């Protein structure tokens, strides 16, 4: 697995962190899953 840096708006990071916390997961795991789902929909 690679580490990737991204620039995100503060409000987006806050929303992702809140959702990840509510799902009992990490920001990275949530983001990986969201990206995979977005790719599937393309």
C-alpha atoms as a PDB file:
ATOM      1  CA  UNK A   1       0.000   0.000   0.000  1.00  0.00           C
ATOM      2  CA  UNK A   2       1.253   3.495  -0.820  1.00  0.00           C
ATOM      3  CA  UNK A   3       0.880   6.746   1.073  1.00  0.00           C
ATOM      4  CA  UNK A   4      -0.678   9.519  -1.013  1.00  0.00           C
ATOM      5  CA  UNK A   5      -0.966  13.170  -0.076  1.00  0.00           C
ATOM      6  CA  UNK A   6      -4.086  15.092  -1.068  1.00  0.00           C
ATOM      7  CA  UNK A   7      -5.217  18.675  -0.616  1.00  0.00           C
ATOM      8  CA  UNK A   8      -8.768  18.805   0.724  1.00  0.00           C
ATOM      9  CA  UNK A   9     -10.960  21.601   1.998  1.00  0.00           C
ATOM     10  CA  UNK A  10     -11.169  21.792   5.780  1.00  0.00           C
ATOM     11  CA  UNK A  11     -14.936  21.254   5.784  1.00  0.00           C
ATOM     12  CA  UNK A  12     -14.580  18.112   3.668  1.00  0.00           C
ATOM     13  CA  UNK A  13     -11.966  16.673   6.048  1.00  0.00           C
ATOM     14  CA  UNK A  14     -14.220  17.429   9.001  1.00  0.00           C
ATOM     15  CA  UNK A  15     -17.188  15.698   7.356  1.00  0.00           C
ATOM     16  CA  UNK A  16     -15.104  12.661   6.403  1.00  0.00           C
ATOM     17  CA  UNK A  17     -13.704  12.442   9.932  1.00  0.00           C
ATOM     18  CA  UNK A  18     -17.192  12.614  11.462  1.00  0.00           C
ATOM     19  CA  UNK A  19     -18.555   9.919   9.157  1.00  0.00           C
ATOM     20  CA  UNK A  20     -15.514   7.685   9.602  1.00  0.00           C
ATOM     21  CA  UNK A  21     -15.834   7.996  13.375  1.00  0.00           C
ATOM     22  CA  UNK A  22     -19.546   7.142  13.260  1.00  0.00           C
ATOM     23  CA  UNK A  23     -18.713   4.049  11.171  1.00  0.00           C
ATOM     24  CA  UNK A  24     -15.912   3.084  13.589  1.00  0.00           C
ATOM     25  CA  UNK A  25     -13.275   3.240  10.854  1.00  0.00           C
ATOM     26  CA  UNK A  26     -10.361   5.456   9.912  1.00  0.00           C
ATOM     27  CA  UNK A  27     -10.211   8.387   7.541  1.00  0.00           C
ATOM     28  CA  UNK A  28      -7.948   6.380   5.232  1.00  0.00           C
ATOM     29  CA  UNK A  29     -10.176   3.302   5.183  1.00  0.00           C
ATOM     30  CA  UNK A  30     -13.271   5.410   4.576  1.00  0.00           C
ATOM     31  CA  UNK A  31     -11.562   7.298   1.743  1.00  0.00           C
ATOM     32  CA  UNK A  32     -10.264   4.109   0.100  1.00  0.00           C
ATOM     33  CA  UNK A  33     -13.758   2.646   0.156  1.00  0.00           C
ATOM     34  CA  UNK A  34     -15.330   5.856  -1.196  1.00  0.00           C
ATOM     35  CA  UNK A  35     -12.819   5.990  -4.051  1.00  0.00           C
ATOM     36  CA  UNK A  36     -13.414   2.317  -4.923  1.00  0.00           C
ATOM     37  CA  UNK A  37     -17.183   2.883  -4.992  1.00  0.00           C
ATOM     38  CA  UNK A  38     -16.778   5.987  -7.163  1.00  0.00           C
ATOM     39  CA  UNK A  39     -14.607   4.063  -9.637  1.00  0.00           C
ATOM     40  CA  UNK A  40     -17.168   1.262  -9.862  1.00  0.00           C
ATOM     41  CA  UNK A  41     -19.859   3.815 -10.792  1.00  0.00           C
ATOM     42  CA  UNK A  42     -17.867   5.273 -13.681  1.00  0.00           C
END
